[in-house]
Amino acid sequence: MSTRNDRDTWLAELGRRIPGVTPAEALARQAQGALLIDVREDNERAAGTPAGSLGLSRGFLELRIEQVEPDRARPLIALCGSGQRSLLAAEALLRLGYRDVSSVDGGFNRWKVEGLPVVAGALDADAAERYARQLRLPQVGEEGQARLSRASIALLGAGGLGAPAALYLAAAGVGQLTLIDDDRVERSNLHRQVIHADARVGMPKTESARIALAALNPRVRVETRNERLQADNVERLLAGHDLVIDGADNFPARYLVAAASQRLRLPMVYGAVERFSGQVSVFDPRRADSPCYRCLFPEPPAAAEAPNCSEAGVLGVLPGIVGLLQATEALKLLLDIGEPLVGRLLSFDALAMHFRETRLPRDPACPGCGAGAAFHGYHDIQQLCAAAG
């Protein structure tokens, strides 16, 4: 009993030291430039939050507030459910050196009763729990998570690169993944294509991958396209997405995707593996300084010069590493954070455990994006690759 009395006494003392404001006063101060901070947990805010407020749970306030608002002079107003946690939050802010801190009397409960502006929470309780660790990143937060949930990615290939990329993009909460592959699961795939299982050998890869992704995150919509990407369907398969992840195992498909990426202004996250090495880059036609795939490979190589995994072999973990790098670049593009691998080629040597970055400038004479580049149709590109093979 004494513990409860001590807590009540302590809170009462905090209430005397920290200015309290009514919800209406908080709204007026917010309009004048104060930052209203909703310190409730993510699942509480899912039901609604004051319009224009910053959602930052009490447990992570000290860790993140300086990244969000470094100005110690800006007025800060803490709000919780009923007005107790906000006092503790306000005290923490004062300890961090913020000079103008107050707490909303009655919290969000009183805010709603008084009919003040409320916006629906960006996330429901399931999403708030599922993405909790990601939401705590200032670069993501509820706004970024909502952006991911609206995004759509086309994955060319549900094999070595597509498998790890799809798993982690689904786990991150990307709204729609479109899997494009006409192959079936073989037992020889399983040592590297971790999205599949022995019990699904013989099943179309797109369907096998859909089953695994639905089990991991049923919130993500998975569209399957059990067909081979070719000249007559490439734009249809890729149009309407925010970006494409290149997990192709053949050059005709890769050159077709590169051309469609340019025409549709669709960022292409490139990845390739062979034996013990891999490469990753980003080709973004929305940027004037970005090279395209054909700046790197102007013409298709002969088949003997670029054997696929079934011919040359590959260390099983290598596609996982490269596929995860592709997923990382995709998330950065969708969230508009960090520095994507535009104009840079990242090479990985597994035997030496060495990453090397090579500058990849745009080629003015590139047959894909240069000033004199001419597009004569996808069938011409397909025939170009066939002639090289």
Protein backbone atom coordinates (compact mmCIF):
# COMPACT_ATOMS: atom_id res chain seq x y z
CA MET A 1 0.00 0.00 0.00
CA SER A 2 2.84 2.35 0.84
CA THR A 3 4.32 1.80 -2.63
CA ARG A 4 1.11 3.01 -4.28
CA ASN A 5 0.93 6.01 -1.94
CA ASP A 6 4.55 6.86 -2.72
CA ARG A 7 3.84 6.71 -6.45
CA ASP A 8 0.78 8.93 -6.08
CA THR A 9 2.80 11.40 -4.06
CA TRP A 10 5.56 11.39 -6.64
CA LEU A 11 3.11 11.96 -9.51
CA ALA A 12 1.48 14.78 -7.57
CA GLU A 13 4.88 16.39 -7.11
CA LEU A 14 5.58 16.04 -10.84
CA GLY A 15 2.22 17.64 -11.54
CA ARG A 16 3.21 20.66 -9.48
CA ARG A 17 6.59 21.02 -11.23
CA ILE A 18 5.48 20.39 -14.80
CA PRO A 19 2.93 22.76 -16.34
CA GLY A 20 -0.34 21.13 -17.29
CA VAL A 21 -2.38 22.30 -20.26
CA THR A 22 -5.88 21.47 -21.38
CA PRO A 23 -6.32 19.68 -24.72
CA ALA A 24 -7.67 22.90 -26.24
CA GLU A 25 -4.62 24.82 -25.04
CA ALA A 26 -2.35 22.11 -26.44
CA LEU A 27 -4.09 22.37 -29.81
CA ALA A 28 -3.62 26.16 -29.83
CA ARG A 29 0.07 25.85 -28.94
CA GLN A 30 0.50 23.20 -31.62
CA ALA A 31 -0.84 25.66 -34.17
CA GLN A 32 1.80 28.15 -32.99
CA GLY A 33 4.66 25.69 -33.57
CA ALA A 34 4.79 23.47 -30.48
CA LEU A 35 5.46 19.76 -31.02
CA LEU A 36 2.74 17.51 -29.58
CA ILE A 37 4.17 14.10 -28.70
CA ASP A 38 1.83 11.14 -28.20
CA VAL A 39 3.83 8.90 -25.86
CA ARG A 40 1.36 6.00 -25.85
CA GLU A 41 2.40 2.61 -27.20
CA ASP A 42 2.05 1.80 -30.91
CA ASN A 43 -0.97 -0.46 -30.36
CA GLU A 44 -2.76 2.31 -28.38
CA ARG A 45 -2.18 4.87 -31.12
CA ALA A 46 -3.58 2.43 -33.71
CA ALA A 47 -7.10 3.42 -32.59
CA GLY A 48 -6.41 7.10 -33.26
CA THR A 49 -4.09 9.94 -32.35
CA PRO A 50 -4.31 13.76 -32.16
CA ALA A 51 -4.00 15.33 -35.60
CA GLY A 52 -0.45 16.49 -36.31
CA SER A 53 1.08 14.76 -33.30
CA LEU A 54 4.31 12.79 -33.27
CA GLY A 55 3.89 9.17 -32.17
CA LEU A 56 6.84 8.27 -29.93
CA SER A 57 6.23 5.68 -27.20
CA ARG A 58 7.38 6.51 -23.69
CA GLY A 59 9.89 3.66 -23.57
CA PHE A 60 11.84 5.04 -26.52
CA LEU A 61 11.41 8.74 -25.96
CA GLU A 62 14.92 9.41 -24.64
CA LEU A 63 16.50 7.33 -27.41
CA ARG A 64 14.78 9.05 -30.32
CA ILE A 65 13.65 12.56 -29.42
CA GLU A 66 17.01 14.19 -30.17
CA GLN A 67 16.97 12.72 -33.68
CA VAL A 68 13.44 13.97 -34.28
CA GLU A 69 13.75 17.38 -32.62
CA PRO A 70 17.27 18.59 -31.77
CA ASP A 71 16.12 22.14 -30.95
CA ARG A 72 16.00 22.33 -27.12
CA ALA A 73 14.13 25.63 -27.28
CA ARG A 74 11.10 24.36 -29.19
CA PRO A 75 8.00 23.95 -26.98
CA LEU A 76 7.15 20.28 -26.42
CA ILE A 77 3.81 18.96 -25.16
CA ALA A 78 3.52 15.36 -23.96
CA LEU A 79 0.25 13.44 -24.19
CA CYS A 80 -0.70 9.93 -23.06
CA GLY A 81 -3.97 8.13 -22.35
CA SER A 82 -5.00 9.85 -19.11
CA GLY A 83 -2.20 12.25 -18.17
CA GLN A 84 0.16 10.20 -15.97
CA ARG A 85 2.72 8.78 -18.41
CA SER A 86 2.94 12.18 -20.06
CA LEU A 87 4.19 13.63 -16.75
CA LEU A 88 6.97 11.05 -16.69
CA ALA A 89 7.74 11.79 -20.33
CA ALA A 90 7.84 15.53 -19.65
CA GLU A 91 10.26 14.98 -16.75
CA ALA A 92 12.54 12.95 -19.04
CA LEU A 93 12.47 15.74 -21.62
CA LEU A 94 13.45 18.30 -19.00
CA ARG A 95 16.38 16.11 -17.96
CA LEU A 96 17.49 16.04 -21.61
CA GLY A 97 17.67 19.82 -21.62
CA TYR A 98 14.39 20.77 -23.32
CA ARG A 99 13.36 24.02 -21.69
CA ASP A 100 9.66 24.45 -22.53
CA VAL A 101 7.85 21.23 -21.67
CA SER A 102 4.25 20.65 -20.60
CA SER A 103 1.77 17.77 -20.24
CA VAL A 104 -1.82 17.45 -21.44
CA ASP A 105 -4.21 17.11 -18.50
CA GLY A 106 -6.56 14.20 -19.04
CA GLY A 107 -4.58 12.93 -21.99
CA PHE A 108 -6.07 11.49 -25.17
CA ASN A 109 -9.25 10.43 -23.35
CA ARG A 110 -10.10 14.07 -22.62
CA TRP A 111 -8.91 15.14 -26.08
CA LYS A 112 -11.57 12.88 -27.64
CA VAL A 113 -14.31 13.92 -25.20
CA GLU A 114 -13.73 17.56 -26.13
CA GLY A 115 -14.11 16.70 -29.81
CA LEU A 116 -10.67 17.88 -30.89
CA PRO A 117 -9.14 16.72 -34.22
CA VAL A 118 -8.20 13.04 -34.31
CA VAL A 119 -6.73 11.06 -37.17
CA ALA A 120 -7.06 7.31 -37.57
CA GLY A 121 -3.99 5.38 -36.54
CA ALA A 122 -1.82 4.43 -39.48
CA LEU A 123 -1.58 0.89 -38.13
CA ASP A 124 -3.92 -1.56 -36.51
CA ALA A 125 -2.92 -3.56 -33.44
CA ASP A 126 -1.58 -6.49 -35.48
CA ALA A 127 0.64 -4.26 -37.60
CA ALA A 128 1.84 -2.29 -34.59
CA GLU A 129 2.98 -5.53 -32.94
CA ARG A 130 4.29 -7.21 -36.10
CA TYR A 131 6.47 -4.27 -37.18
CA ALA A 132 7.26 -2.96 -33.69
CA ARG A 133 11.06 -3.08 -34.02
CA GLN A 134 10.99 -1.46 -37.45
CA LEU A 135 8.58 1.24 -36.32
CA ARG A 136 11.08 2.39 -33.71
CA LEU A 137 13.49 3.50 -36.40
CA PRO A 138 13.10 7.26 -36.90
CA GLN A 139 13.65 6.72 -40.63
CA VAL A 140 10.60 4.41 -40.77
CA GLY A 141 8.00 5.10 -38.09
CA GLU A 142 4.27 4.87 -38.79
CA GLU A 143 4.48 7.06 -41.89
CA GLY A 144 7.20 4.88 -43.44
CA GLN A 145 5.38 1.69 -42.55
CA ALA A 146 2.24 3.03 -44.19
CA ARG A 147 4.31 3.84 -47.27
CA LEU A 148 5.60 0.27 -47.39
CA SER A 149 2.08 -1.10 -47.07
CA ARG A 150 1.04 0.89 -50.16
CA ALA A 151 4.04 -0.24 -52.21
CA SER A 152 4.12 -2.84 -54.95
CA ILE A 153 7.22 -4.72 -56.10
CA ALA A 154 7.67 -7.01 -59.08
CA LEU A 155 10.15 -9.83 -58.47
CA LEU A 156 11.52 -11.43 -61.60
CA GLY A 157 12.30 -14.95 -60.50
CA ALA A 158 11.24 -16.91 -57.41
CA GLY A 159 14.58 -18.68 -57.20
CA GLY A 160 17.97 -18.01 -55.64
CA LEU A 161 17.77 -14.20 -55.50
CA GLY A 162 14.01 -13.84 -55.43
CA ALA A 163 13.61 -16.24 -52.50
CA PRO A 164 15.48 -14.28 -49.80
CA ALA A 165 14.38 -10.93 -51.24
CA ALA A 166 10.71 -11.92 -51.18
CA LEU A 167 10.89 -13.33 -47.66
CA TYR A 168 12.37 -10.18 -46.16
CA LEU A 169 10.23 -7.78 -48.17
CA ALA A 170 7.13 -9.64 -47.00
CA ALA A 171 8.41 -9.60 -43.43
CA ALA A 172 8.99 -5.84 -43.71
CA GLY A 173 5.36 -5.30 -44.73
CA VAL A 174 5.58 -4.37 -48.41
CA GLY A 175 1.95 -4.31 -49.50
CA GLN A 176 2.11 -6.32 -52.73
CA LEU A 177 4.70 -8.68 -54.17
CA THR A 178 4.24 -9.94 -57.72
CA LEU A 179 6.20 -13.13 -58.38
CA ILE A 180 7.10 -13.79 -62.03
CA ASP A 181 8.47 -17.26 -62.80
CA ASP A 182 7.43 -20.14 -65.05
CA ASP A 183 9.64 -22.78 -63.44
CA ARG A 184 8.83 -25.61 -61.02
CA VAL A 185 10.56 -26.51 -57.77
CA GLU A 186 13.32 -29.08 -58.13
CA ARG A 187 15.22 -30.76 -55.33
CA SER A 188 18.46 -29.24 -56.62
CA ASN A 189 16.96 -25.79 -55.94
CA LEU A 190 16.56 -26.30 -52.22
CA HIS A 191 20.15 -25.70 -51.11
CA ARG A 192 19.83 -22.01 -52.08
CA GLN A 193 16.17 -21.23 -52.82
CA VAL A 194 15.09 -21.20 -49.20
CA ILE A 195 11.52 -20.10 -49.82
CA HIS A 196 10.69 -23.59 -51.12
CA ALA A 197 10.44 -26.93 -49.28
CA ASP A 198 11.00 -30.58 -50.07
CA ALA A 199 7.28 -31.31 -49.84
CA ARG A 200 6.65 -28.81 -52.66
CA VAL A 201 9.05 -30.29 -55.22
CA GLY A 202 7.25 -30.30 -58.57
CA MET A 203 4.99 -27.38 -57.65
CA PRO A 204 5.20 -24.11 -59.63
CA LYS A 205 7.75 -21.88 -57.91
CA THR A 206 5.34 -18.97 -57.77
CA GLU A 207 2.76 -21.03 -55.88
CA SER A 208 5.36 -22.56 -53.57
CA ALA A 209 6.68 -19.09 -52.76
CA ARG A 210 3.15 -17.75 -52.24
CA ILE A 211 2.49 -20.45 -49.63
CA ALA A 212 5.67 -19.57 -47.72
CA LEU A 213 5.03 -15.82 -47.85
CA ALA A 214 1.41 -16.18 -46.72
CA ALA A 215 2.58 -18.24 -43.75
CA LEU A 216 5.16 -15.60 -42.85
CA ASN A 217 2.95 -12.53 -43.23
CA PRO A 218 -0.71 -12.94 -44.23
CA ARG A 219 -1.06 -9.15 -44.47
CA VAL A 220 0.99 -9.04 -47.67
CA ARG A 221 -0.82 -9.54 -50.97
CA VAL A 222 1.07 -11.96 -53.20
CA GLU A 223 0.26 -12.02 -56.91
CA THR A 224 1.62 -14.89 -58.99
CA ARG A 225 2.47 -14.79 -62.68
CA ASN A 226 3.35 -18.32 -63.70
CA GLU A 227 4.72 -17.34 -67.08
CA ARG A 228 8.07 -16.69 -68.70
CA LEU A 229 8.94 -13.04 -69.16
CA GLN A 230 9.26 -12.33 -72.90
CA ALA A 231 9.07 -9.51 -75.41
CA ASP A 232 5.29 -9.67 -75.73
CA ASN A 233 4.50 -9.57 -72.01
CA VAL A 234 7.31 -7.66 -70.27
CA GLU A 235 5.50 -4.32 -69.98
CA ARG A 236 2.25 -5.96 -68.95
CA LEU A 237 4.01 -7.87 -66.17
CA LEU A 238 5.96 -4.90 -64.81
CA ALA A 239 3.58 -1.96 -65.29
CA GLY A 240 1.92 -0.58 -62.17
CA HIS A 241 4.70 -1.49 -59.73
CA ASP A 242 6.97 0.83 -57.79
CA LEU A 243 10.15 -1.06 -58.67
CA VAL A 244 11.42 -4.36 -60.01
CA ILE A 245 13.91 -6.72 -58.42
CA ASP A 246 15.96 -8.51 -61.05
CA GLY A 247 16.44 -12.13 -60.04
CA ALA A 248 16.64 -13.47 -63.59
CA ASP A 249 18.90 -16.38 -64.45
CA ASN A 250 19.17 -15.57 -68.15
CA PHE A 251 20.29 -12.57 -70.21
CA PRO A 252 17.25 -12.24 -72.50
CA ALA A 253 14.98 -11.65 -69.51
CA ARG A 254 17.47 -9.25 -67.93
CA TYR A 255 17.83 -7.14 -71.09
CA LEU A 256 14.07 -7.04 -71.54
CA VAL A 257 13.58 -5.89 -67.95
CA ALA A 258 16.28 -3.25 -68.41
CA ALA A 259 14.48 -1.86 -71.47
CA ALA A 260 11.07 -1.93 -69.76
CA SER A 261 12.57 -0.27 -66.70
CA GLN A 262 13.68 2.65 -68.88
CA ARG A 263 10.36 2.96 -70.70
CA LEU A 264 8.21 2.64 -67.57
CA ARG A 265 10.58 4.76 -65.45
CA LEU A 266 10.74 1.90 -62.99
CA PRO A 267 13.79 1.50 -60.72
CA MET A 268 15.57 -1.82 -61.30
CA VAL A 269 17.47 -3.46 -58.44
CA TYR A 270 20.05 -5.61 -60.18
CA GLY A 271 21.67 -8.69 -58.68
CA ALA A 272 23.74 -11.54 -60.07
CA VAL A 273 25.68 -14.52 -58.66
CA GLU A 274 28.19 -17.03 -59.98
CA ARG A 275 30.14 -19.64 -58.06
CA PHE A 276 31.50 -17.63 -55.07
CA SER A 277 30.88 -14.06 -56.22
CA GLY A 278 27.97 -11.68 -56.65
CA GLN A 279 27.05 -8.17 -57.78
CA VAL A 280 24.38 -5.63 -56.81
CA SER A 281 23.45 -2.22 -58.21
CA VAL A 282 20.46 0.05 -58.70
CA PHE A 283 19.41 1.52 -62.05
CA ASP A 284 16.89 4.30 -61.50
CA PRO A 285 15.58 6.00 -64.69
CA ARG A 286 13.88 8.67 -62.59
CA ARG A 287 17.31 10.14 -61.87
CA ALA A 288 19.20 12.00 -64.59
CA ASP A 289 22.55 10.80 -63.25
CA SER A 290 21.65 7.11 -63.08
CA PRO A 291 23.24 4.62 -65.48
CA CYS A 292 21.17 1.77 -66.84
CA TYR A 293 21.92 -1.93 -67.07
CA ARG A 294 23.37 -1.50 -70.55
CA CYS A 295 25.88 1.05 -69.27
CA LEU A 296 27.31 -1.95 -67.43
CA PHE A 297 26.71 -4.57 -70.14
CA PRO A 298 26.17 -2.79 -73.49
CA GLU A 299 25.76 -6.04 -75.42
CA PRO A 300 24.74 -9.52 -74.26
CA PRO A 301 27.69 -11.83 -73.66
CA ALA A 302 27.98 -15.18 -75.36
CA ALA A 303 26.47 -18.07 -73.40
CA ALA A 304 29.92 -19.60 -72.84
CA GLU A 305 31.12 -16.38 -71.23
CA ALA A 306 28.26 -16.21 -68.71
CA PRO A 307 27.16 -19.67 -67.56
CA ASN A 308 24.17 -19.88 -65.24
CA CYS A 309 24.13 -21.58 -61.83
CA SER A 310 23.16 -24.97 -63.24
CA GLU A 311 26.24 -24.88 -65.46
CA ALA A 312 28.83 -23.13 -63.28
CA GLY A 313 27.54 -23.95 -59.80
CA VAL A 314 27.04 -21.60 -56.85
CA LEU A 315 27.67 -21.66 -53.11
CA GLY A 316 24.25 -22.01 -51.53
CA VAL A 317 24.48 -19.03 -49.19
CA LEU A 318 25.66 -16.62 -51.88
CA PRO A 319 22.23 -15.90 -53.45
CA GLY A 320 20.96 -15.28 -49.93
CA ILE A 321 23.54 -12.57 -49.35
CA VAL A 322 22.95 -10.89 -52.70
CA GLY A 323 19.17 -11.23 -52.49
CA LEU A 324 19.15 -9.60 -49.06
CA LEU A 325 21.26 -6.74 -50.40
CA GLN A 326 18.66 -6.30 -53.15
CA ALA A 327 15.85 -6.28 -50.58
CA THR A 328 17.76 -3.66 -48.58
CA GLU A 329 18.09 -1.42 -51.65
CA ALA A 330 14.39 -1.88 -52.43
CA LEU A 331 13.36 -0.80 -48.93
CA LYS A 332 15.65 2.24 -49.10
CA LEU A 333 14.06 3.26 -52.40
CA LEU A 334 10.51 2.83 -51.10
CA LEU A 335 11.25 4.75 -47.89
CA ASP A 336 13.43 7.33 -49.65
CA ILE A 337 16.22 6.92 -47.10
CA GLY A 338 19.96 6.43 -47.24
CA GLU A 339 22.04 6.36 -50.39
CA PRO A 340 20.93 3.76 -52.96
CA LEU A 341 23.52 1.98 -55.09
CA VAL A 342 22.86 4.30 -58.04
CA GLY A 343 26.06 4.82 -60.03
CA ARG A 344 27.85 2.22 -57.96
CA LEU A 345 28.45 -1.50 -58.48
CA LEU A 346 28.90 -3.51 -55.29
CA SER A 347 30.84 -6.76 -55.81
CA PHE A 348 31.11 -9.52 -53.22
CA ASP A 349 33.75 -12.24 -53.03
CA ALA A 350 32.62 -14.92 -50.58
CA LEU A 351 35.95 -16.76 -50.50
CA ALA A 352 37.86 -13.64 -49.46
CA MET A 353 34.85 -12.23 -47.55
CA HIS A 354 35.45 -8.97 -49.34
CA PHE A 355 33.13 -6.25 -50.67
CA ARG A 356 34.39 -3.93 -53.37
CA GLU A 357 32.60 -0.87 -54.70
CA THR A 358 33.20 0.32 -58.25
CA ARG A 359 32.01 3.63 -59.64
CA LEU A 360 29.53 3.08 -62.47
CA PRO A 361 28.88 6.36 -64.30
CA ARG A 362 26.25 6.85 -66.95
CA ASP A 363 27.66 6.14 -70.43
CA PRO A 364 26.79 8.91 -72.94
CA ALA A 365 27.09 6.35 -75.75
CA CYS A 366 25.00 3.67 -73.97
CA PRO A 367 22.68 1.81 -76.38
CA GLY A 368 20.02 1.75 -73.67
CA CYS A 369 19.97 5.25 -72.20
CA GLY A 370 22.50 7.34 -74.16
CA ALA A 371 21.61 10.39 -76.19
CA GLY A 372 21.65 8.37 -79.40
CA ALA A 373 19.83 5.32 -78.02
CA ALA A 374 16.92 4.12 -80.15
CA PHE A 375 14.26 1.68 -79.05
CA HIS A 376 13.06 -0.60 -81.86
CA GLY A 377 10.85 -2.85 -79.80
CA TYR A 378 11.29 -5.67 -77.32
CA HIS A 379 11.45 -8.32 -80.05
CA ASP A 380 14.64 -6.71 -81.35
CA ILE A 381 16.17 -7.00 -77.89
CA GLN A 382 15.12 -10.62 -77.62
CA GLN A 383 16.67 -11.37 -81.01
CA LEU A 384 19.87 -9.54 -80.00
CA CYS A 385 20.23 -11.84 -77.00
CA ALA A 386 19.43 -14.91 -79.08
CA ALA A 387 22.12 -13.95 -81.60
CA ALA A 388 24.69 -13.57 -78.79
CA GLY A 389 23.81 -16.97 -77.39
